[in-house]
Every structure is written in C-alpha cells, then in structure tokens.
C-alpha cells in the first residue's frame, strides 16, 4: 500500500466515524424526546428498567455490564429512578 493511500484511507475512516457519531447523537436525542414524552424517562433510564425487568435478581453490576456503562453511572441512575 502506498503511504499517500494509507493516509487517505485514515482520513476517509475518520470522516465516516465522525458522520456516524453525528447520526448516533441525532437518533439518541430523538429517542430521548419520544421516550420522555411517553414515560418521563430518558432512554438510559428506560434501558436500565428493561434490563431489570428482563431478569431475576439483577444487580447493578449486571445492569452496568449489560448496558456497557460504569457501575457508578448505574448507581446514580438507579438513585434518580
């Protein structure tokens, strides 16, 4: 592979990742609006409740792992719920 081509591929991938990040953020905001309007919850809070509702004896650590969140973030979110 030629050095210029590799640099171009890296730049192209960065643009793609940036665009994907923007789209993900737009979708997250829209989902937050929809869920908040229906339930008063954020998508994150709804996800926590979905994980808890799907299992028996689910710990905060289980929720954190399932949602790929820090345990401290889950602890704070459960406190707000």
N, C-alpha and C. Protein backbone atom coordinates (compact mmCIF):
# COMPACT_ATOMS: atom_id res chain seq x y z
N UNK A 1 0.85 -1.17 0.00
CA UNK A 1 0.00 0.00 0.00
C UNK A 1 0.89 1.24 0.00
N UNK A 2 0.56 2.21 -0.76
CA UNK A 2 1.35 3.43 -0.86
C UNK A 2 1.05 4.34 0.33
N UNK A 3 2.06 5.08 0.84
CA UNK A 3 1.86 5.95 2.02
C UNK A 3 0.71 6.95 1.84
N UNK A 4 0.59 7.56 0.69
CA UNK A 4 -0.49 8.52 0.45
C UNK A 4 -1.86 7.87 0.52
N UNK A 5 -1.94 6.64 0.00
CA UNK A 5 -3.21 5.90 0.02
C UNK A 5 -3.62 5.58 1.46
N UNK A 6 -2.65 5.17 2.27
CA UNK A 6 -2.95 4.84 3.67
C UNK A 6 -3.45 6.08 4.41
N UNK A 7 -2.82 7.21 4.15
CA UNK A 7 -3.24 8.45 4.81
C UNK A 7 -4.64 8.84 4.36
N UNK A 8 -4.93 8.67 3.09
CA UNK A 8 -6.25 8.97 2.56
C UNK A 8 -7.30 8.05 3.20
N UNK A 9 -6.98 6.78 3.36
CA UNK A 9 -7.90 5.83 3.99
C UNK A 9 -8.17 6.22 5.43
N UNK A 10 -7.12 6.63 6.15
CA UNK A 10 -7.32 7.05 7.54
C UNK A 10 -8.25 8.26 7.60
N UNK A 11 -8.01 9.23 6.73
CA UNK A 11 -8.85 10.43 6.70
C UNK A 11 -10.29 10.06 6.35
N UNK A 12 -10.45 9.17 5.40
CA UNK A 12 -11.78 8.73 4.99
C UNK A 12 -12.50 8.04 6.15
N UNK A 13 -11.78 7.17 6.87
CA UNK A 13 -12.38 6.47 8.02
C UNK A 13 -12.76 7.46 9.11
N UNK A 14 -11.91 8.46 9.34
CA UNK A 14 -12.23 9.45 10.36
C UNK A 14 -13.50 10.22 10.01
N UNK A 15 -13.64 10.57 8.73
CA UNK A 15 -14.86 11.26 8.31
C UNK A 15 -16.08 10.38 8.49
N UNK A 16 -15.94 9.11 8.15
CA UNK A 16 -17.05 8.17 8.33
C UNK A 16 -17.41 8.04 9.80
N UNK A 17 -16.41 7.87 10.67
CA UNK A 17 -16.67 7.75 12.10
C UNK A 17 -17.33 9.01 12.64
N UNK A 18 -16.88 10.15 12.17
CA UNK A 18 -17.47 11.41 12.61
C UNK A 18 -18.93 11.49 12.19
N UNK A 19 -19.21 11.12 10.95
CA UNK A 19 -20.60 11.15 10.47
C UNK A 19 -21.48 10.17 11.25
N UNK A 20 -20.95 8.99 11.52
CA UNK A 20 -21.70 8.01 12.31
C UNK A 20 -21.98 8.54 13.71
N UNK A 21 -21.01 9.21 14.29
CA UNK A 21 -21.18 9.78 15.62
C UNK A 21 -22.29 10.84 15.61
N UNK A 22 -22.32 11.66 14.58
CA UNK A 22 -23.36 12.68 14.47
C UNK A 22 -24.73 12.03 14.33
N UNK A 23 -24.84 11.03 13.48
CA UNK A 23 -26.12 10.34 13.28
C UNK A 23 -26.56 9.66 14.58
N UNK A 24 -25.63 9.03 15.27
CA UNK A 24 -25.98 8.36 16.54
C UNK A 24 -26.51 9.38 17.55
N UNK A 25 -25.89 10.54 17.61
CA UNK A 25 -26.33 11.58 18.55
C UNK A 25 -27.72 12.09 18.19
N UNK A 26 -27.98 12.29 16.90
CA UNK A 26 -29.30 12.75 16.46
C UNK A 26 -30.36 11.71 16.83
N UNK A 27 -30.07 10.45 16.57
CA UNK A 27 -31.01 9.37 16.91
C UNK A 27 -31.24 9.28 18.41
N UNK A 28 -30.18 9.45 19.19
CA UNK A 28 -30.29 9.41 20.66
C UNK A 28 -31.20 10.53 21.15
N UNK A 29 -31.00 11.73 20.63
CA UNK A 29 -31.83 12.86 21.05
C UNK A 29 -33.29 12.64 20.68
N UNK A 30 -33.54 12.11 19.50
CA UNK A 30 -34.91 11.85 19.06
C UNK A 30 -35.55 10.77 19.93
N UNK A 31 -34.80 9.72 20.22
CA UNK A 31 -35.32 8.65 21.08
C UNK A 31 -35.59 9.19 22.48
N UNK A 32 -34.70 10.03 22.99
CA UNK A 32 -34.93 10.64 24.31
C UNK A 32 -36.23 11.44 24.33
N UNK A 33 -36.45 12.23 23.27
CA UNK A 33 -37.69 13.02 23.20
C UNK A 33 -38.93 12.12 23.18
N UNK A 34 -38.88 11.08 22.35
CA UNK A 34 -40.04 10.18 22.23
C UNK A 34 -40.33 9.46 23.55
N UNK A 35 -39.29 8.91 24.16
CA UNK A 35 -39.48 8.16 25.40
C UNK A 35 -39.88 9.10 26.54
N UNK A 36 -39.28 10.28 26.60
CA UNK A 36 -39.63 11.24 27.64
C UNK A 36 -41.09 11.67 27.52
N UNK A 37 -41.54 11.87 26.29
CA UNK A 37 -42.93 12.27 26.08
C UNK A 37 -43.89 11.18 26.53
N UNK A 38 -43.52 9.92 26.30
CA UNK A 38 -44.40 8.81 26.64
C UNK A 38 -44.33 8.40 28.10
N UNK A 39 -43.13 8.55 28.71
CA UNK A 39 -42.98 7.99 30.05
C UNK A 39 -42.31 8.91 31.08
N UNK A 40 -41.72 9.99 30.61
CA UNK A 40 -41.00 10.87 31.53
C UNK A 40 -39.60 10.36 31.86
N UNK A 41 -39.16 9.32 31.15
CA UNK A 41 -37.83 8.73 31.38
C UNK A 41 -36.90 9.06 30.22
N UNK A 42 -35.60 8.99 30.49
CA UNK A 42 -34.62 9.08 29.40
C UNK A 42 -34.46 7.68 28.81
N UNK A 43 -33.82 7.60 27.66
CA UNK A 43 -33.58 6.29 27.07
C UNK A 43 -32.68 5.45 27.97
N UNK A 44 -31.74 6.09 28.64
CA UNK A 44 -30.86 5.35 29.56
C UNK A 44 -31.64 4.77 30.72
N UNK A 45 -32.53 5.57 31.29
CA UNK A 45 -33.35 5.08 32.39
C UNK A 45 -34.27 3.95 31.93
N UNK A 46 -34.85 4.10 30.75
CA UNK A 46 -35.70 3.04 30.21
C UNK A 46 -34.90 1.77 29.98
N UNK A 47 -33.66 1.91 29.51
CA UNK A 47 -32.81 0.74 29.28
C UNK A 47 -32.50 0.03 30.59
N UNK A 48 -32.23 0.79 31.64
CA UNK A 48 -31.98 0.19 32.96
C UNK A 48 -33.20 -0.61 33.40
N UNK A 49 -34.37 -0.02 33.28
CA UNK A 49 -35.59 -0.72 33.69
C UNK A 49 -35.84 -1.96 32.83
N UNK A 50 -35.51 -1.89 31.54
CA UNK A 50 -35.68 -3.05 30.66
C UNK A 50 -34.77 -4.19 31.08
N UNK A 51 -33.52 -3.88 31.42
CA UNK A 51 -32.59 -4.93 31.86
C UNK A 51 -33.08 -5.54 33.17
N UNK A 52 -33.51 -4.69 34.09
CA UNK A 52 -34.00 -5.19 35.38
C UNK A 52 -35.25 -6.06 35.17
N UNK A 53 -36.14 -5.60 34.30
CA UNK A 53 -37.38 -6.33 34.05
C UNK A 53 -37.18 -7.65 33.32
N UNK A 54 -36.07 -7.77 32.62
CA UNK A 54 -35.83 -8.99 31.83
C UNK A 54 -35.20 -10.12 32.63
N UNK A 55 -34.78 -9.84 33.84
CA UNK A 55 -34.10 -10.88 34.60
C UNK A 55 -34.60 -10.98 36.03
N UNK A 56 -34.14 -12.01 36.71
CA UNK A 56 -34.45 -12.18 38.12
C UNK A 56 -33.20 -11.87 38.93
N UNK A 57 -33.39 -11.15 40.04
CA UNK A 57 -32.29 -10.86 40.95
C UNK A 57 -31.11 -10.20 40.21
N UNK A 58 -31.41 -9.14 39.48
CA UNK A 58 -30.41 -8.43 38.68
C UNK A 58 -29.71 -7.41 39.57
N UNK A 59 -28.40 -7.45 39.58
CA UNK A 59 -27.63 -6.49 40.38
C UNK A 59 -27.30 -5.26 39.54
N UNK A 60 -26.86 -4.21 40.20
CA UNK A 60 -26.43 -3.02 39.47
C UNK A 60 -25.22 -3.34 38.59
N UNK A 61 -24.38 -4.23 39.05
CA UNK A 61 -23.23 -4.66 38.25
C UNK A 61 -23.72 -5.35 36.98
N UNK A 62 -24.76 -6.18 37.09
CA UNK A 62 -25.34 -6.85 35.91
C UNK A 62 -25.88 -5.81 34.92
N UNK A 63 -26.55 -4.80 35.44
CA UNK A 63 -27.10 -3.74 34.59
C UNK A 63 -25.96 -3.01 33.88
N UNK A 64 -24.93 -2.66 34.64
CA UNK A 64 -23.79 -1.94 34.07
C UNK A 64 -23.14 -2.75 32.94
N UNK A 65 -22.97 -4.02 33.16
CA UNK A 65 -22.36 -4.88 32.13
C UNK A 65 -23.26 -4.97 30.90
N UNK A 66 -24.55 -5.17 31.13
CA UNK A 66 -25.48 -5.32 30.01
C UNK A 66 -25.55 -4.06 29.16
N UNK A 67 -25.44 -2.90 29.79
CA UNK A 67 -25.56 -1.64 29.07
C UNK A 67 -24.21 -1.00 28.75
N UNK A 68 -23.15 -1.72 29.13
CA UNK A 68 -21.78 -1.21 28.90
C UNK A 68 -21.60 0.19 29.50
N UNK A 69 -22.03 0.30 30.75
CA UNK A 69 -21.92 1.55 31.49
C UNK A 69 -21.01 1.34 32.70
N UNK A 70 -20.51 2.43 33.25
CA UNK A 70 -19.78 2.35 34.51
C UNK A 70 -20.76 2.04 35.63
N UNK A 71 -20.31 1.27 36.60
CA UNK A 71 -21.18 0.93 37.72
C UNK A 71 -21.63 2.19 38.46
N UNK A 72 -20.73 3.17 38.59
CA UNK A 72 -21.09 4.41 39.29
C UNK A 72 -22.21 5.16 38.56
N UNK A 73 -22.21 5.11 37.23
CA UNK A 73 -23.27 5.76 36.45
C UNK A 73 -24.61 5.05 36.69
N UNK A 74 -24.57 3.73 36.76
CA UNK A 74 -25.79 2.98 37.02
C UNK A 74 -26.29 3.26 38.43
N UNK A 75 -25.39 3.34 39.39
CA UNK A 75 -25.77 3.63 40.77
C UNK A 75 -26.49 4.99 40.83
N UNK A 76 -25.93 6.00 40.18
CA UNK A 76 -26.55 7.32 40.16
C UNK A 76 -27.91 7.29 39.47
N UNK A 77 -28.00 6.55 38.37
CA UNK A 77 -29.25 6.48 37.64
C UNK A 77 -30.33 5.76 38.45
N UNK A 78 -29.96 4.69 39.11
CA UNK A 78 -30.93 3.96 39.94
C UNK A 78 -31.40 4.87 41.07
N UNK A 79 -30.48 5.66 41.61
CA UNK A 79 -30.87 6.61 42.66
C UNK A 79 -31.89 7.62 42.16
N UNK A 80 -31.76 8.06 40.91
CA UNK A 80 -32.72 9.02 40.34
C UNK A 80 -34.05 8.37 40.00
N UNK A 81 -34.02 7.07 39.72
CA UNK A 81 -35.26 6.37 39.39
C UNK A 81 -36.11 6.19 40.64
